[in-house]
């Protein structure tokens, strides 16, 4: 079931019930099936729905106009708008998690460290050094990550350094985290 603006077909959900994950971009969506294949629908004006052929995925992420997938072997592949290098995947080896924003991409390596690439106008690709990160939640305008000890580390224009966050407020398109 989907509702809301459908100007690019982003609410036209594909038929089936064997989906295990979904990723929502600005005007496009991706759905991961149990067999590792991906279905895309919505706006494809920048190639963000052109899924690489003969590729099986274990994870997907959708940015504004680009998409990122983690293949079954843990390697990354990205497609769509690449104006700021967000589709030129960093050499990270096997990844554990991935996320994308407006014009940047992020990968969590097996050792718990983070690699980011693409647009960096607000510092969103200047990932903190170190390890011990556990997952990469989606955040289109900022870069925020959850560490193993439960702390949230955020960087870029809408957040300050590393701190514990208790609540979330919303401002415009970006989620801003407040202590």
N, C-alpha and C. Protein backbone atom coordinates (compact mmCIF):
# COMPACT_ATOMS: atom_id res chain seq x y z
N UNK A 1 0.84 -1.16 0.00
CA UNK A 1 0.00 0.00 0.00
C UNK A 1 0.89 1.24 0.00
N UNK A 2 0.56 2.21 -0.80
CA UNK A 2 1.30 3.46 -0.83
C UNK A 2 0.32 4.61 -1.05
N UNK A 3 0.68 5.80 -0.56
CA UNK A 3 -0.15 6.97 -0.75
C UNK A 3 0.74 8.19 -0.78
N UNK A 4 0.18 9.29 -1.19
CA UNK A 4 0.94 10.54 -1.28
C UNK A 4 1.17 10.93 -2.73
N UNK A 5 2.09 11.85 -2.93
CA UNK A 5 2.39 12.32 -4.28
C UNK A 5 2.84 11.16 -5.15
N UNK A 6 2.30 11.10 -6.35
CA UNK A 6 2.63 10.02 -7.26
C UNK A 6 3.00 10.55 -8.64
N UNK A 7 3.61 11.72 -8.69
CA UNK A 7 3.92 12.39 -9.95
C UNK A 7 4.88 11.59 -10.83
N UNK A 8 5.67 10.70 -10.25
CA UNK A 8 6.63 9.92 -11.02
C UNK A 8 6.39 8.41 -10.88
N UNK A 9 5.22 8.04 -10.42
CA UNK A 9 4.91 6.63 -10.26
C UNK A 9 5.51 6.00 -9.01
N UNK A 10 5.98 6.82 -8.09
CA UNK A 10 6.63 6.29 -6.89
C UNK A 10 5.66 5.58 -5.95
N UNK A 11 4.36 5.73 -6.16
CA UNK A 11 3.37 5.00 -5.34
C UNK A 11 2.83 3.77 -6.06
N UNK A 12 3.31 3.50 -7.25
CA UNK A 12 2.85 2.32 -8.00
C UNK A 12 3.65 1.09 -7.58
N UNK A 13 3.28 0.52 -6.47
CA UNK A 13 4.02 -0.59 -5.87
C UNK A 13 3.97 -1.82 -6.77
N UNK A 14 5.11 -2.50 -6.95
CA UNK A 14 5.10 -3.72 -7.76
C UNK A 14 4.33 -4.83 -7.06
N UNK A 15 3.78 -5.73 -7.86
CA UNK A 15 3.03 -6.85 -7.34
C UNK A 15 3.98 -7.88 -6.73
N UNK A 16 3.54 -8.53 -5.68
CA UNK A 16 4.31 -9.61 -5.07
C UNK A 16 4.32 -9.49 -3.56
N UNK A 17 4.79 -10.54 -2.92
CA UNK A 17 4.84 -10.54 -1.47
C UNK A 17 6.12 -11.16 -0.93
N UNK A 18 7.13 -11.31 -1.77
CA UNK A 18 8.38 -11.91 -1.30
C UNK A 18 9.47 -10.85 -1.12
N UNK A 19 9.07 -9.64 -0.74
CA UNK A 19 10.02 -8.56 -0.50
C UNK A 19 10.54 -8.62 0.93
N UNK A 20 11.82 -8.34 1.09
CA UNK A 20 12.43 -8.38 2.43
C UNK A 20 12.93 -7.02 2.88
N UNK A 21 13.04 -6.05 1.96
CA UNK A 21 13.50 -4.71 2.33
C UNK A 21 13.02 -3.72 1.28
N UNK A 22 12.89 -2.47 1.71
CA UNK A 22 12.52 -1.38 0.80
C UNK A 22 13.40 -0.19 1.10
N UNK A 23 13.71 0.57 0.06
CA UNK A 23 14.48 1.81 0.21
C UNK A 23 13.77 2.89 -0.59
N UNK A 24 13.57 4.04 0.01
CA UNK A 24 12.83 5.12 -0.63
C UNK A 24 13.74 6.29 -0.92
N UNK A 25 13.78 6.69 -2.19
CA UNK A 25 14.55 7.86 -2.59
C UNK A 25 13.63 9.07 -2.68
N UNK A 26 14.09 10.10 -3.36
CA UNK A 26 13.30 11.31 -3.47
C UNK A 26 12.00 11.05 -4.23
N UNK A 27 12.10 10.48 -5.44
CA UNK A 27 10.92 10.13 -6.24
C UNK A 27 11.04 8.74 -6.82
N UNK A 28 11.86 7.90 -6.23
CA UNK A 28 11.97 6.51 -6.69
C UNK A 28 12.10 5.60 -5.49
N UNK A 29 11.81 4.33 -5.72
CA UNK A 29 11.88 3.34 -4.64
C UNK A 29 12.55 2.08 -5.16
N UNK A 30 13.14 1.34 -4.23
CA UNK A 30 13.73 0.04 -4.52
C UNK A 30 13.14 -0.96 -3.55
N UNK A 31 12.96 -2.19 -4.01
CA UNK A 31 12.52 -3.26 -3.12
C UNK A 31 13.40 -4.47 -3.36
N UNK A 32 13.89 -5.05 -2.29
CA UNK A 32 14.74 -6.23 -2.34
C UNK A 32 13.88 -7.46 -2.12
N UNK A 33 13.99 -8.41 -3.05
CA UNK A 33 13.25 -9.66 -2.94
C UNK A 33 14.08 -10.70 -2.19
N UNK A 34 13.43 -11.72 -1.70
CA UNK A 34 14.09 -12.78 -0.94
C UNK A 34 15.18 -13.48 -1.75
N UNK A 35 15.04 -13.50 -3.06
CA UNK A 35 16.05 -14.17 -3.90
C UNK A 35 17.24 -13.28 -4.26
N UNK A 36 17.27 -12.05 -3.71
CA UNK A 36 18.40 -11.14 -3.95
C UNK A 36 18.22 -10.21 -5.13
N UNK A 37 17.14 -10.35 -5.86
CA UNK A 37 16.89 -9.43 -6.98
C UNK A 37 16.23 -8.16 -6.45
N UNK A 38 16.34 -7.09 -7.24
CA UNK A 38 15.80 -5.80 -6.83
C UNK A 38 14.82 -5.32 -7.90
N UNK A 39 13.73 -4.72 -7.44
CA UNK A 39 12.74 -4.10 -8.30
C UNK A 39 12.78 -2.61 -8.01
N UNK A 40 12.73 -1.78 -9.06
CA UNK A 40 12.74 -0.33 -8.90
C UNK A 40 11.54 0.27 -9.62
N UNK A 41 11.02 1.38 -9.08
CA UNK A 41 9.92 2.07 -9.72
C UNK A 41 9.96 3.55 -9.33
N UNK A 42 9.29 4.36 -10.13
CA UNK A 42 9.26 5.80 -9.90
C UNK A 42 10.15 6.52 -10.90
N UNK A 43 10.61 7.70 -10.53
CA UNK A 43 11.43 8.55 -11.40
C UNK A 43 12.74 7.86 -11.75
N UNK A 44 13.06 7.83 -13.04
CA UNK A 44 14.32 7.26 -13.51
C UNK A 44 15.07 8.26 -14.38
N UNK A 45 14.85 9.55 -14.15
CA UNK A 45 15.43 10.59 -14.99
C UNK A 45 16.95 10.63 -14.93
N UNK A 46 17.54 10.09 -13.90
CA UNK A 46 19.00 10.08 -13.77
C UNK A 46 19.56 8.66 -13.65
N UNK A 47 18.77 7.68 -14.08
CA UNK A 47 19.23 6.30 -14.08
C UNK A 47 19.17 5.60 -12.74
N UNK A 48 18.51 6.20 -11.75
CA UNK A 48 18.46 5.63 -10.40
C UNK A 48 17.64 4.35 -10.30
N UNK A 49 16.88 4.03 -11.33
CA UNK A 49 16.12 2.77 -11.35
C UNK A 49 16.74 1.74 -12.28
N UNK A 50 17.88 2.04 -12.88
CA UNK A 50 18.56 1.11 -13.79
C UNK A 50 19.44 0.14 -12.98
N UNK A 51 18.84 -0.85 -12.42
CA UNK A 51 19.54 -1.81 -11.57
C UNK A 51 20.54 -2.61 -12.41
N UNK A 52 21.76 -2.77 -11.92
CA UNK A 52 22.74 -3.57 -12.67
C UNK A 52 22.20 -4.98 -12.94
N UNK A 53 22.40 -5.44 -14.17
CA UNK A 53 21.89 -6.77 -14.55
C UNK A 53 22.71 -7.89 -13.93
N UNK A 54 22.07 -9.02 -13.77
CA UNK A 54 22.72 -10.24 -13.28
C UNK A 54 23.45 -10.03 -11.96
N UNK A 55 22.86 -9.24 -11.09
CA UNK A 55 23.45 -8.96 -9.78
C UNK A 55 22.45 -9.30 -8.69
N UNK A 56 22.90 -10.00 -7.68
CA UNK A 56 22.08 -10.32 -6.52
C UNK A 56 22.56 -9.47 -5.35
N UNK A 57 21.62 -8.98 -4.58
CA UNK A 57 21.93 -8.07 -3.49
C UNK A 57 21.50 -8.66 -2.15
N UNK A 58 22.13 -8.16 -1.09
CA UNK A 58 21.68 -8.48 0.26
C UNK A 58 21.16 -7.24 0.97
N UNK A 59 21.42 -6.05 0.36
CA UNK A 59 20.98 -4.80 0.95
C UNK A 59 20.87 -3.73 -0.13
N UNK A 60 19.95 -2.77 0.08
CA UNK A 60 19.75 -1.68 -0.87
C UNK A 60 19.59 -0.36 -0.13
N UNK A 61 19.89 0.74 -0.82
CA UNK A 61 19.68 2.09 -0.28
C UNK A 61 19.35 3.00 -1.45
N UNK A 62 18.46 3.97 -1.22
CA UNK A 62 18.04 4.90 -2.26
C UNK A 62 18.28 6.32 -1.81
N UNK A 63 19.02 7.08 -2.61
CA UNK A 63 19.26 8.50 -2.34
C UNK A 63 18.30 9.35 -3.14
N UNK A 64 18.62 10.61 -3.26
CA UNK A 64 17.74 11.49 -4.03
C UNK A 64 17.64 11.03 -5.47
N UNK A 65 18.78 10.89 -6.15
CA UNK A 65 18.79 10.47 -7.54
C UNK A 65 19.83 9.40 -7.80
N UNK A 66 20.20 8.67 -6.78
CA UNK A 66 21.10 7.54 -6.99
C UNK A 66 20.71 6.41 -6.05
N UNK A 67 21.20 5.23 -6.37
CA UNK A 67 20.89 4.03 -5.58
C UNK A 67 22.19 3.29 -5.30
N UNK A 68 22.20 2.54 -4.22
CA UNK A 68 23.38 1.81 -3.79
C UNK A 68 22.95 0.42 -3.35
N UNK A 69 23.73 -0.57 -3.71
CA UNK A 69 23.42 -1.94 -3.30
C UNK A 69 24.65 -2.64 -2.78
N UNK A 70 24.44 -3.51 -1.81
CA UNK A 70 25.50 -4.38 -1.32
C UNK A 70 25.23 -5.75 -1.94
N UNK A 71 26.19 -6.21 -2.74
CA UNK A 71 26.04 -7.52 -3.38
C UNK A 71 26.16 -8.63 -2.33
N UNK A 72 25.81 -9.84 -2.73
CA UNK A 72 25.87 -10.97 -1.81
C UNK A 72 27.26 -11.19 -1.24
N UNK A 73 28.31 -10.84 -2.02
CA UNK A 73 29.68 -11.01 -1.53
C UNK A 73 30.16 -9.85 -0.67
N UNK A 74 29.30 -8.86 -0.42
CA UNK A 74 29.65 -7.72 0.42
C UNK A 74 30.23 -6.54 -0.33
N UNK A 75 30.43 -6.67 -1.63
CA UNK A 75 30.95 -5.55 -2.41
C UNK A 75 29.82 -4.58 -2.75
N UNK A 76 30.19 -3.35 -3.09
CA UNK A 76 29.23 -2.29 -3.36
C UNK A 76 29.09 -2.02 -4.84
N UNK A 77 27.90 -1.58 -5.23
CA UNK A 77 27.66 -1.08 -6.58
C UNK A 77 26.64 0.05 -6.46
N UNK A 78 26.86 1.12 -7.23
CA UNK A 78 25.93 2.25 -7.21
C UNK A 78 25.57 2.62 -8.64
N UNK A 79 24.40 3.24 -8.79
CA UNK A 79 23.94 3.64 -10.12
C UNK A 79 23.05 4.87 -9.97
N UNK A 80 22.93 5.61 -11.07
CA UNK A 80 22.12 6.82 -11.08
C UNK A 80 22.98 8.06 -11.20
N UNK A 81 22.50 9.17 -10.66
CA UNK A 81 23.16 10.46 -10.74
C UNK A 81 24.50 10.42 -10.02
N UNK A 82 25.54 10.83 -10.69
CA UNK A 82 26.90 10.75 -10.14
C UNK A 82 27.62 12.09 -10.20
N UNK A 83 26.90 13.18 -10.19
CA UNK A 83 27.50 14.50 -10.37
C UNK A 83 28.58 14.81 -9.33
N UNK A 84 28.43 14.31 -8.12
CA UNK A 84 29.40 14.61 -7.07
C UNK A 84 30.18 13.37 -6.64
N UNK A 85 30.19 12.35 -7.47
CA UNK A 85 30.96 11.15 -7.18
C UNK A 85 30.29 10.17 -6.24
N UNK A 86 29.00 10.35 -5.97
CA UNK A 86 28.29 9.48 -5.03
C UNK A 86 28.11 8.05 -5.54
N UNK A 87 28.29 7.84 -6.84
CA UNK A 87 28.18 6.49 -7.41
C UNK A 87 29.54 5.85 -7.66
N UNK A 88 30.61 6.56 -7.38
CA UNK A 88 31.94 6.00 -7.54
C UNK A 88 32.32 5.36 -6.20
N UNK A 89 31.91 4.12 -6.03
CA UNK A 89 32.05 3.45 -4.74
C UNK A 89 33.49 3.40 -4.27
N UNK A 90 33.67 3.73 -3.02
CA UNK A 90 34.99 3.66 -2.41
C UNK A 90 35.43 2.20 -2.33
N UNK A 91 36.72 1.97 -2.37
CA UNK A 91 37.27 0.63 -2.20
C UNK A 91 37.25 0.31 -0.71
N UNK A 92 36.26 -0.43 -0.28
CA UNK A 92 36.10 -0.71 1.14
C UNK A 92 36.20 -2.18 1.48
N UNK A 93 36.31 -3.04 0.49
CA UNK A 93 36.29 -4.48 0.77
C UNK A 93 34.87 -4.90 1.09
N UNK A 94 34.73 -5.83 1.99
CA UNK A 94 33.41 -6.34 2.36
C UNK A 94 32.73 -5.36 3.31
N UNK A 95 31.50 -5.01 2.98
CA UNK A 95 30.75 -4.07 3.81
C UNK A 95 29.69 -4.80 4.62
N UNK A 96 29.36 -4.18 5.73
CA UNK A 96 28.36 -4.72 6.63
C UNK A 96 27.03 -3.98 6.48
N UNK A 97 27.10 -2.70 6.08
CA UNK A 97 25.90 -1.88 5.98
C UNK A 97 26.20 -0.73 5.02
N UNK A 98 25.15 -0.11 4.50
CA UNK A 98 25.34 1.03 3.60
C UNK A 98 24.17 2.00 3.76
N UNK A 99 24.40 3.23 3.34
CA UNK A 99 23.36 4.26 3.37
C UNK A 99 23.72 5.32 2.34
N UNK A 100 22.72 6.08 1.93
CA UNK A 100 22.95 7.16 0.98
C UNK A 100 22.18 8.39 1.43
N UNK A 101 22.66 9.54 0.97
CA UNK A 101 21.98 10.80 1.22
C UNK A 101 21.69 11.49 -0.09
N UNK A 102 21.55 12.79 -0.05
CA UNK A 102 21.23 13.55 -1.25
C UNK A 102 22.29 13.35 -2.33
N UNK A 103 23.54 13.55 -1.99
CA UNK A 103 24.61 13.42 -2.98
C UNK A 103 25.85 12.74 -2.40
N UNK A 104 25.65 11.90 -1.41
CA UNK A 104 26.77 11.15 -0.84
C UNK A 104 26.34 9.73 -0.52
N UNK A 105 27.34 8.87 -0.36
CA UNK A 105 27.11 7.47 -0.01
C UNK A 105 28.03 7.11 1.15
N UNK A 106 27.60 6.14 1.94
CA UNK A 106 28.34 5.74 3.13
C UNK A 106 28.33 4.23 3.24
N UNK A 107 29.46 3.66 3.67
CA UNK A 107 29.54 2.21 3.88
C UNK A 107 30.13 1.94 5.26
N UNK A 108 29.60 0.94 5.91
CA UNK A 108 30.13 0.46 7.19
C UNK A 108 30.93 -0.79 6.89
N UNK A 109 32.21 -0.74 7.19
CA UNK A 109 33.08 -1.88 6.91
C UNK A 109 32.93 -2.95 7.99
N UNK A 110 33.41 -4.14 7.69
CA UNK A 110 33.32 -5.26 8.63
C UNK A 110 33.96 -4.92 9.97
N UNK A 111 35.04 -4.11 9.97
CA UNK A 111 35.74 -3.77 11.21
C UNK A 111 35.02 -2.70 12.03
N UNK A 112 33.85 -2.20 11.55
CA UNK A 112 33.10 -1.20 12.29
C UNK A 112 33.47 0.23 11.94
N UNK A 113 34.39 0.43 11.01
CA UNK A 113 34.74 1.79 10.59
C UNK A 113 33.86 2.23 9.43
N UNK A 114 33.81 3.52 9.19
CA UNK A 114 32.93 4.10 8.18
C UNK A 114 33.75 4.75 7.07
N UNK A 115 33.29 4.57 5.84
CA UNK A 115 33.86 5.23 4.67
C UNK A 115 32.73 5.98 3.99
N UNK A 116 32.97 7.23 3.60
CA UNK A 116 31.95 8.04 2.93
C UNK A 116 32.57 8.71 1.71
N UNK A 117 31.76 8.93 0.68
CA UNK A 117 32.24 9.56 -0.54
C UNK A 117 31.09 10.29 -1.21
N UNK A 118 31.44 11.17 -2.14
CA UNK A 118 30.44 11.95 -2.86
C UNK A 118 30.45 13.38 -2.38
N UNK A 119 29.30 14.05 -2.49
CA UNK A 119 29.20 15.45 -2.09
C UNK A 119 29.62 15.65 -0.64
N UNK A 120 30.35 16.74 -0.40
CA UNK A 120 30.85 17.01 0.94
C UNK A 120 30.71 18.48 1.30
N UNK A 121 29.76 19.17 0.67
CA UNK A 121 29.58 20.60 0.91
C UNK A 121 29.26 20.94 2.35
N UNK A 122 28.64 20.05 3.07
CA UNK A 122 28.31 20.27 4.47
C UNK A 122 29.05 19.31 5.40
N UNK A 123 30.08 18.65 4.88
CA UNK A 123 30.86 17.73 5.69
C UNK A 123 30.29 16.33 5.79
N UNK A 124 29.26 16.02 5.00
CA UNK A 124 28.60 14.72 5.12
C UNK A 124 29.45 13.56 4.66
N UNK A 125 30.51 13.81 3.89
CA UNK A 125 31.41 12.71 3.49
C UNK A 125 32.70 12.71 4.30
N UNK A 126 32.76 13.53 5.33
CA UNK A 126 33.91 13.56 6.23
C UNK A 126 33.60 12.67 7.43
N UNK A 127 33.58 11.38 7.18
CA UNK A 127 33.21 10.43 8.23
C UNK A 127 34.21 10.45 9.37
N UNK A 128 33.75 10.26 10.60
CA UNK A 128 34.66 10.23 11.75
C UNK A 128 35.57 9.01 11.67
N UNK A 129 36.77 9.16 12.22
CA UNK A 129 37.73 8.06 12.24
C UNK A 129 37.38 7.12 13.39
N UNK A 130 37.89 5.92 13.30
CA UNK A 130 37.67 4.95 14.35
C UNK A 130 36.70 3.87 13.93
N UNK A 131 36.42 3.00 14.86
CA UNK A 131 35.56 1.87 14.57
C UNK A 131 34.44 1.83 15.60
N UNK A 132 33.86 0.66 15.78
CA UNK A 132 32.82 0.43 16.77
C UNK A 132 31.45 0.98 16.36
N UNK A 133 31.23 1.21 15.07
CA UNK A 133 29.91 1.58 14.60
C UNK A 133 29.15 0.30 14.26
N UNK A 134 27.83 0.32 14.44
CA UNK A 134 27.05 -0.90 14.24
C UNK A 134 26.08 -0.85 13.07
N UNK A 135 25.57 0.32 12.73
CA UNK A 135 24.63 0.42 11.61
C UNK A 135 24.62 1.83 11.06
N UNK A 136 24.01 1.96 9.87
CA UNK A 136 23.96 3.24 9.17
C UNK A 136 22.52 3.61 8.87
N UNK A 137 21.85 4.34 9.74
CA UNK A 137 20.48 4.74 9.43
C UNK A 137 20.46 5.74 8.29
N UNK A 138 19.38 5.76 7.52
CA UNK A 138 19.23 6.71 6.42
C UNK A 138 18.99 8.10 6.99
N UNK A 139 19.68 9.07 6.45
CA UNK A 139 19.48 10.48 6.81
C UNK A 139 19.87 11.31 5.60
N UNK A 140 18.91 11.82 4.84
CA UNK A 140 19.24 12.43 3.55
C UNK A 140 20.11 13.66 3.60
N UNK A 141 20.07 14.46 4.63
CA UNK A 141 20.82 15.72 4.62
C UNK A 141 21.98 15.75 5.58
N UNK A 142 22.01 14.84 6.51
CA UNK A 142 23.12 14.78 7.45
C UNK A 142 23.70 13.38 7.39
N UNK A 143 24.75 13.17 8.10
CA UNK A 143 25.31 11.85 8.24
C UNK A 143 25.25 11.52 9.73
N UNK A 144 24.52 10.51 10.10
CA UNK A 144 24.40 10.12 11.50
C UNK A 144 24.53 8.60 11.57
N UNK A 145 25.23 8.13 12.57
CA UNK A 145 25.50 6.71 12.69
C UNK A 145 25.38 6.27 14.14
N UNK A 146 24.95 5.03 14.33
CA UNK A 146 24.77 4.45 15.64
C UNK A 146 25.98 3.61 16.00
N UNK A 147 26.54 3.84 17.19
CA UNK A 147 27.70 3.07 17.65
C UNK A 147 27.22 1.89 18.50
N UNK A 148 28.11 0.95 18.74
CA UNK A 148 27.79 -0.26 19.51
C UNK A 148 27.31 0.07 20.92
N UNK A 149 27.81 1.16 21.50
CA UNK A 149 27.41 1.51 22.86
C UNK A 149 26.10 2.30 22.92
N UNK A 150 25.44 2.46 21.76
CA UNK A 150 24.16 3.14 21.73
C UNK A 150 24.24 4.64 21.50
N UNK A 151 25.44 5.19 21.39
CA UNK A 151 25.55 6.61 21.11
C UNK A 151 25.39 6.87 19.63
N UNK A 152 24.88 8.04 19.32
CA UNK A 152 24.69 8.45 17.94
C UNK A 152 25.74 9.49 17.61
N UNK A 153 26.47 9.28 16.55
CA UNK A 153 27.45 10.23 16.08
C UNK A 153 26.90 10.87 14.83
N UNK A 154 26.88 12.19 14.81
CA UNK A 154 26.36 12.90 13.65
C UNK A 154 27.36 13.94 13.20
N UNK A 155 27.48 14.13 11.90
CA UNK A 155 28.35 15.16 11.36
C UNK A 155 27.70 15.78 10.16
N UNK A 156 28.13 16.90 9.74
CA UNK A 156 27.62 17.70 8.62
C UNK A 156 26.99 18.96 9.18
N UNK A 157 26.35 19.73 8.34
CA UNK A 157 25.89 21.06 8.71
C UNK A 157 24.82 21.06 9.80
N UNK A 158 24.04 20.01 9.94
CA UNK A 158 22.92 20.06 10.87
C UNK A 158 23.18 19.38 12.21
N UNK A 159 24.40 19.01 12.47
CA UNK A 159 24.67 18.36 13.75
C UNK A 159 26.05 18.75 14.25
N UNK A 160 26.28 18.57 15.50
CA UNK A 160 27.57 18.88 16.10
C UNK A 160 28.19 17.60 16.61
N UNK A 161 29.47 17.43 16.42
CA UNK A 161 30.31 16.37 16.98
C UNK A 161 29.58 15.13 17.48
N UNK A 162 30.20 14.42 18.38
CA UNK A 162 29.64 13.18 18.91
C UNK A 162 28.98 13.45 20.25
N UNK A 163 27.78 12.97 20.41
CA UNK A 163 27.07 13.17 21.67
C UNK A 163 25.93 12.18 21.77
N UNK A 164 25.38 12.04 22.96
CA UNK A 164 24.19 11.22 23.12
C UNK A 164 22.99 12.09 22.78
N UNK A 165 22.04 11.52 22.05
CA UNK A 165 20.86 12.26 21.66
C UNK A 165 19.62 11.60 22.26
N UNK A 166 18.72 12.41 22.81
CA UNK A 166 17.54 11.90 23.47
C UNK A 166 16.27 12.08 22.66
N UNK A 167 16.22 13.06 21.79
CA UNK A 167 15.00 13.29 21.02
C UNK A 167 15.37 13.77 19.63
N UNK A 168 14.40 13.72 18.78
CA UNK A 168 14.60 14.12 17.40
C UNK A 168 13.59 15.19 17.05
N UNK A 169 14.05 16.25 16.41
CA UNK A 169 13.13 17.27 15.92
C UNK A 169 13.28 17.34 14.41
N UNK A 170 12.26 17.83 13.76
CA UNK A 170 12.30 17.90 12.30
C UNK A 170 12.29 19.36 11.87
N UNK A 171 13.11 19.67 10.89
CA UNK A 171 13.17 21.01 10.33
C UNK A 171 13.35 20.90 8.83
N UNK A 172 12.34 21.24 8.07
CA UNK A 172 12.44 21.17 6.62
C UNK A 172 12.64 19.74 6.15
N UNK A 173 13.53 19.54 5.18
CA UNK A 173 13.82 18.21 4.65
C UNK A 173 14.69 17.38 5.57
N UNK A 174 15.55 18.03 6.33
CA UNK A 174 16.55 17.31 7.12
C UNK A 174 16.06 17.06 8.53
N UNK A 175 16.40 15.92 9.04
CA UNK A 175 16.12 15.64 10.45
C UNK A 175 17.28 16.19 11.25
N UNK A 176 16.97 16.94 12.27
CA UNK A 176 18.00 17.49 13.12
C UNK A 176 17.86 16.85 14.49
N UNK A 177 18.95 16.42 15.02
CA UNK A 177 18.93 15.73 16.30
C UNK A 177 19.30 16.73 17.39
N UNK A 178 18.52 16.74 18.44
CA UNK A 178 18.75 17.69 19.54
C UNK A 178 19.07 16.91 20.80
N UNK A 179 19.97 17.42 21.64
CA UNK A 179 20.29 16.75 22.90
C UNK A 179 19.15 16.83 23.87
